[in-house]
Amino acid sequence: MNAQVVALRDDPLAEDGVIIRQIVQAIKSVRHGQVRIIIQDSRVVQIDKTEKLRLA
């Protein structure tokens, strides 16, 4: 087990920071489309990204 995984288990706020960075990265990487965040029991469990290709 690496140090980052151990740190995430010990500090829930550190995990929140990782999730926020992943959401921001998904938003920045989509030019036309959507980012959907799936939440269960008040926790982010999945981030979906859909991108559309605009031809005109």
PDB file of N, CA and C in Angstrom:
ATOM      1  N   MET A   1       0.862  -1.174   0.000  1.00  0.00           N
ATOM      2  CA  MET A   1       0.000   0.000   0.000  1.00  0.00           C
ATOM      3  C   MET A   1       0.904   1.232   0.000  1.00  0.00           C
ATOM      4  N   ASN A   2       0.614   2.188  -0.888  1.00  0.00           N
ATOM      5  CA  ASN A   2       1.493   3.356  -0.938  1.00  0.00           C
ATOM      6  C   ASN A   2       1.081   4.412   0.081  1.00  0.00           C
ATOM      7  N   ALA A   3       1.943   5.381   0.282  1.00  0.00           N
ATOM      8  CA  ALA A   3       1.743   6.399   1.320  1.00  0.00           C
ATOM      9  C   ALA A   3       0.504   7.247   1.058  1.00  0.00           C
ATOM     10  N   GLN A   4       0.199   7.513  -0.216  1.00  0.00           N
ATOM     11  CA  GLN A   4      -0.966   8.343  -0.524  1.00  0.00           C
ATOM     12  C   GLN A   4      -2.258   7.656  -0.098  1.00  0.00           C
ATOM     13  N   VAL A   5      -2.378   6.355  -0.334  1.00  0.00           N
ATOM     14  CA  VAL A   5      -3.573   5.615   0.074  1.00  0.00           C
ATOM     15  C   VAL A   5      -3.714   5.644   1.581  1.00  0.00           C
ATOM     16  N   VAL A   6      -2.638   5.441   2.303  1.00  0.00           N
ATOM     17  CA  VAL A   6      -2.680   5.494   3.765  1.00  0.00           C
ATOM     18  C   VAL A   6      -3.113   6.877   4.224  1.00  0.00           C
ATOM     19  N   ALA A   7      -2.567   7.931   3.607  1.00  0.00           N
ATOM     20  CA  ALA A   7      -2.923   9.296   4.000  1.00  0.00           C
ATOM     21  C   ALA A   7      -4.400   9.561   3.752  1.00  0.00           C
ATOM     22  N   LEU A   8      -4.944   9.054   2.643  1.00  0.00           N
ATOM     23  CA  LEU A   8      -6.357   9.267   2.346  1.00  0.00           C
ATOM     24  C   LEU A   8      -7.249   8.588   3.378  1.00  0.00           C
ATOM     25  N   ARG A   9      -6.868   7.435   3.830  1.00  0.00           N
ATOM     26  CA  ARG A   9      -7.667   6.740   4.838  1.00  0.00           C
ATOM     27  C   ARG A   9      -7.651   7.488   6.168  1.00  0.00           C
ATOM     28  N   ASP A  10      -6.536   8.117   6.492  1.00  0.00           N
ATOM     29  CA  ASP A  10      -6.395   8.807   7.768  1.00  0.00           C
ATOM     30  C   ASP A  10      -7.029  10.193   7.748  1.00  0.00           C
ATOM     31  N   ASP A  11      -7.114  10.824   6.573  1.00  0.00           N
ATOM     32  CA  ASP A  11      -7.571  12.209   6.472  1.00  0.00           C
ATOM     33  C   ASP A  11      -8.658  12.335   5.407  1.00  0.00           C
ATOM     34  N   PRO A  12      -9.934  12.337   5.811  1.00  0.00           N
ATOM     35  CA  PRO A  12     -11.018  12.439   4.831  1.00  0.00           C
ATOM     36  C   PRO A  12     -10.961  13.735   4.024  1.00  0.00           C
ATOM     37  N   LEU A  13     -10.432  14.816   4.591  1.00  0.00           N
ATOM     38  CA  LEU A  13     -10.339  16.071   3.849  1.00  0.00           C
ATOM     39  C   LEU A  13      -9.330  15.968   2.712  1.00  0.00           C
ATOM     40  N   ALA A  14      -8.283  15.173   2.892  1.00  0.00           N
ATOM     41  CA  ALA A  14      -7.310  14.956   1.815  1.00  0.00           C
ATOM     42  C   ALA A  14      -7.992  14.247   0.652  1.00  0.00           C
ATOM     43  N   GLU A  15      -8.845  13.290   0.933  1.00  0.00           N
ATOM     44  CA  GLU A  15      -9.587  12.592  -0.114  1.00  0.00           C
ATOM     45  C   GLU A  15     -10.501  13.569  -0.849  1.00  0.00           C
ATOM     46  N   ASP A  16     -11.133  14.479  -0.127  1.00  0.00           N
ATOM     47  CA  ASP A  16     -11.982  15.489  -0.762  1.00  0.00           C
ATOM     48  C   ASP A  16     -11.180  16.330  -1.752  1.00  0.00           C
ATOM     49  N   GLY A  17      -9.970  16.686  -1.388  1.00  0.00           N
ATOM     50  CA  GLY A  17      -9.115  17.465  -2.274  1.00  0.00           C
ATOM     51  C   GLY A  17      -8.803  16.722  -3.559  1.00  0.00           C
ATOM     52  N   VAL A  18      -8.545  15.418  -3.440  1.00  0.00           N
ATOM     53  CA  VAL A  18      -8.267  14.593  -4.618  1.00  0.00           C
ATOM     54  C   VAL A  18      -9.498  14.554  -5.517  1.00  0.00           C
ATOM     55  N   ILE A  19     -10.663  14.372  -4.945  1.00  0.00           N
ATOM     56  CA  ILE A  19     -11.896  14.309  -5.720  1.00  0.00           C
ATOM     57  C   ILE A  19     -12.161  15.639  -6.408  1.00  0.00           C
ATOM     58  N   ILE A  20     -11.975  16.722  -5.698  1.00  0.00           N
ATOM     59  CA  ILE A  20     -12.189  18.049  -6.296  1.00  0.00           C
ATOM     60  C   ILE A  20     -11.243  18.266  -7.461  1.00  0.00           C
ATOM     61  N   ARG A  21      -9.985  17.877  -7.310  1.00  0.00           N
ATOM     62  CA  ARG A  21      -9.026  18.026  -8.422  1.00  0.00           C
ATOM     63  C   ARG A  21      -9.443  17.186  -9.622  1.00  0.00           C
ATOM     64  N   GLN A  22      -9.957  15.987  -9.389  1.00  0.00           N
ATOM     65  CA  GLN A  22     -10.404  15.127 -10.489  1.00  0.00           C
ATOM     66  C   GLN A  22     -11.610  15.740 -11.201  1.00  0.00           C
ATOM     67  N   ILE A  23     -12.526  16.335 -10.449  1.00  0.00           N
ATOM     68  CA  ILE A  23     -13.697  16.991 -11.045  1.00  0.00           C
ATOM     69  C   ILE A  23     -13.254  18.182 -11.883  1.00  0.00           C
ATOM     70  N   VAL A  24     -12.378  19.001 -11.336  1.00  0.00           N
ATOM     71  CA  VAL A  24     -11.885  20.176 -12.071  1.00  0.00           C
ATOM     72  C   VAL A  24     -11.160  19.743 -13.343  1.00  0.00           C
ATOM     73  N   GLN A  25     -10.347  18.699 -13.262  1.00  0.00           N
ATOM     74  CA  GLN A  25      -9.640  18.208 -14.445  1.00  0.00           C
ATOM     75  C   GLN A  25     -10.624  17.722 -15.504  1.00  0.00           C
ATOM     76  N   ALA A  26     -11.678  17.032 -15.090  1.00  0.00           N
ATOM     77  CA  ALA A  26     -12.695  16.568 -16.039  1.00  0.00           C
ATOM     78  C   ALA A  26     -13.373  17.759 -16.715  1.00  0.00           C
ATOM     79  N   ILE A  27     -13.689  18.791 -15.947  1.00  0.00           N
ATOM     80  CA  ILE A  27     -14.335  19.989 -16.507  1.00  0.00           C
ATOM     81  C   ILE A  27     -13.405  20.681 -17.490  1.00  0.00           C
ATOM     82  N   LYS A  28     -12.144  20.822 -17.131  1.00  0.00           N
ATOM     83  CA  LYS A  28     -11.190  21.509 -18.010  1.00  0.00           C
ATOM     84  C   LYS A  28     -10.930  20.743 -19.300  1.00  0.00           C
ATOM     85  N   SER A  29     -11.086  19.433 -19.276  1.00  0.00           N
ATOM     86  CA  SER A  29     -10.760  18.623 -20.450  1.00  0.00           C
ATOM     87  C   SER A  29     -11.914  18.518 -21.453  1.00  0.00           C
ATOM     88  N   VAL A  30     -13.097  19.018 -21.094  1.00  0.00           N
ATOM     89  CA  VAL A  30     -14.252  18.947 -21.993  1.00  0.00           C
ATOM     90  C   VAL A  30     -14.474  20.312 -22.632  1.00  0.00           C
ATOM     91  N   ARG A  31     -14.448  20.334 -23.959  1.00  0.00           N
ATOM     92  CA  ARG A  31     -14.710  21.593 -24.660  1.00  0.00           C
ATOM     93  C   ARG A  31     -16.209  21.775 -24.878  1.00  0.00           C
ATOM     94  N   HIS A  32     -16.879  20.732 -25.378  1.00  0.00           N
ATOM     95  CA  HIS A  32     -18.338  20.732 -25.556  1.00  0.00           C
ATOM     96  C   HIS A  32     -18.836  19.407 -24.990  1.00  0.00           C
ATOM     97  N   GLY A  33     -19.658  19.452 -23.973  1.00  0.00           N
ATOM     98  CA  GLY A  33     -20.181  18.219 -23.404  1.00  0.00           C
ATOM     99  C   GLY A  33     -20.648  18.419 -21.982  1.00  0.00           C
ATOM    100  N   GLN A  34     -20.503  17.363 -21.201  1.00  0.00           N
ATOM    101  CA  GLN A  34     -20.971  17.452 -19.827  1.00  0.00           C
ATOM    102  C   GLN A  34     -20.116  16.592 -18.903  1.00  0.00           C
ATOM    103  N   VAL A  35     -20.106  16.980 -17.641  1.00  0.00           N
ATOM    104  CA  VAL A  35     -19.473  16.202 -16.584  1.00  0.00           C
ATOM    105  C   VAL A  35     -20.578  15.899 -15.579  1.00  0.00           C
ATOM    106  N   ARG A  36     -20.746  14.615 -15.282  1.00  0.00           N
ATOM    107  CA  ARG A  36     -21.788  14.190 -14.353  1.00  0.00           C
ATOM    108  C   ARG A  36     -21.119  13.549 -13.146  1.00  0.00           C
ATOM    109  N   ILE A  37     -21.544  13.953 -11.964  1.00  0.00           N
ATOM    110  CA  ILE A  37     -20.975  13.450 -10.714  1.00  0.00           C
ATOM    111  C   ILE A  37     -22.030  12.575 -10.042  1.00  0.00           C
ATOM    112  N   ILE A  38     -21.680  11.331  -9.783  1.00  0.00           N
ATOM    113  CA  ILE A  38     -22.594  10.385  -9.143  1.00  0.00           C
ATOM    114  C   ILE A  38     -22.246  10.330  -7.652  1.00  0.00           C
ATOM    115  N   ILE A  39     -23.264  10.494  -6.831  1.00  0.00           N
ATOM    116  CA  ILE A  39     -23.082  10.551  -5.374  1.00  0.00           C
ATOM    117  C   ILE A  39     -23.929   9.464  -4.723  1.00  0.00           C
ATOM    118  N   GLN A  40     -23.354   8.747  -3.762  1.00  0.00           N
ATOM    119  CA  GLN A  40     -24.082   7.780  -2.942  1.00  0.00           C
ATOM    120  C   GLN A  40     -23.679   8.001  -1.493  1.00  0.00           C
ATOM    121  N   ASP A  41     -24.645   8.064  -0.627  1.00  0.00           N
ATOM    122  CA  ASP A  41     -24.395   8.277   0.806  1.00  0.00           C
ATOM    123  C   ASP A  41     -23.516   9.504   1.050  1.00  0.00           C
ATOM    124  N   SER A  42     -23.811  10.587   0.332  1.00  0.00           N
ATOM    125  CA  SER A  42     -23.111  11.875   0.463  1.00  0.00           C
ATOM    126  C   SER A  42     -21.640  11.809   0.059  1.00  0.00           C
ATOM    127  N   ARG A  43     -21.266  10.819  -0.750  1.00  0.00           N
ATOM    128  CA  ARG A  43     -19.882  10.678  -1.212  1.00  0.00           C
ATOM    129  C   ARG A  43     -19.856  10.538  -2.728  1.00  0.00           C
ATOM    130  N   VAL A  44     -18.886  11.169  -3.365  1.00  0.00           N
ATOM    131  CA  VAL A  44     -18.708  11.025  -4.805  1.00  0.00           C
ATOM    132  C   VAL A  44     -18.175   9.621  -5.073  1.00  0.00           C
ATOM    133  N   VAL A  45     -18.900   8.865  -5.901  1.00  0.00           N
ATOM    134  CA  VAL A  45     -18.475   7.497  -6.212  1.00  0.00           C
ATOM    135  C   VAL A  45     -18.091   7.339  -7.680  1.00  0.00           C
ATOM    136  N   GLN A  46     -18.490   8.316  -8.527  1.00  0.00           N
ATOM    137  CA  GLN A  46     -18.186   8.187  -9.948  1.00  0.00           C
ATOM    138  C   GLN A  46     -18.233   9.560 -10.609  1.00  0.00           C
ATOM    139  N   ILE A  47     -17.352   9.754 -11.579  1.00  0.00           N
ATOM    140  CA  ILE A  47     -17.351  10.971 -12.390  1.00  0.00           C
ATOM    141  C   ILE A  47     -17.440  10.528 -13.838  1.00  0.00           C
ATOM    142  N   ASP A  48     -18.520  10.931 -14.533  1.00  0.00           N
ATOM    143  CA  ASP A  48     -18.713  10.604 -15.945  1.00  0.00           C
ATOM    144  C   ASP A  48     -18.454  11.843 -16.779  1.00  0.00           C
ATOM    145  N   LYS A  49     -17.785  11.641 -17.904  1.00  0.00           N
ATOM    146  CA  LYS A  49     -17.492  12.753 -18.804  1.00  0.00           C
ATOM    147  C   LYS A  49     -17.979  12.363 -20.194  1.00  0.00           C
ATOM    148  N   THR A  50     -18.807  13.226 -20.812  1.00  0.00           N
ATOM    149  CA  THR A  50     -19.294  13.019 -22.171  1.00  0.00           C
ATOM    150  C   THR A  50     -18.883  14.218 -22.991  1.00  0.00           C
ATOM    151  N   GLU A  51     -18.245  13.944 -24.126  1.00  0.00           N
ATOM    152  CA  GLU A  51     -17.785  15.041 -24.972  1.00  0.00           C
ATOM    153  C   GLU A  51     -18.416  14.935 -26.341  1.00  0.00           C
ATOM    154  N   LYS A  52     -18.823  16.073 -26.892  1.00  0.00           N
ATOM    155  CA  LYS A  52     -19.425  16.136 -28.219  1.00  0.00           C
ATOM    156  C   LYS A  52     -18.423  16.743 -29.182  1.00  0.00           C
ATOM    157  N   LEU A  53     -18.433  16.250 -30.379  1.00  0.00           N
ATOM    158  CA  LEU A  53     -17.547  16.771 -31.412  1.00  0.00           C
ATOM    159  C   LEU A  53     -18.346  17.724 -32.296  1.00  0.00           C
ATOM    160  N   ARG A  54     -18.034  19.006 -32.256  1.00  0.00           N
ATOM    161  CA  ARG A  54     -18.714  20.021 -33.071  1.00  0.00           C
ATOM    162  C   ARG A  54     -17.970  20.166 -34.378  1.00  0.00           C
ATOM    163  N   LEU A  55     -18.642  19.989 -35.489  1.00  0.00           N
ATOM    164  CA  LEU A  55     -18.006  20.056 -36.791  1.00  0.00           C
ATOM    165  C   LEU A  55     -18.146  21.413 -37.459  1.00  0.00           C
ATOM    166  N   ALA A  56     -19.100  22.204 -37.045  1.00  0.00           N
ATOM    167  CA  ALA A  56     -19.291  23.503 -37.696  1.00  0.00           C
ATOM    168  C   ALA A  56     -19.040  24.649 -36.734  1.00  0.00           C
TER     169      ALA A  56
END
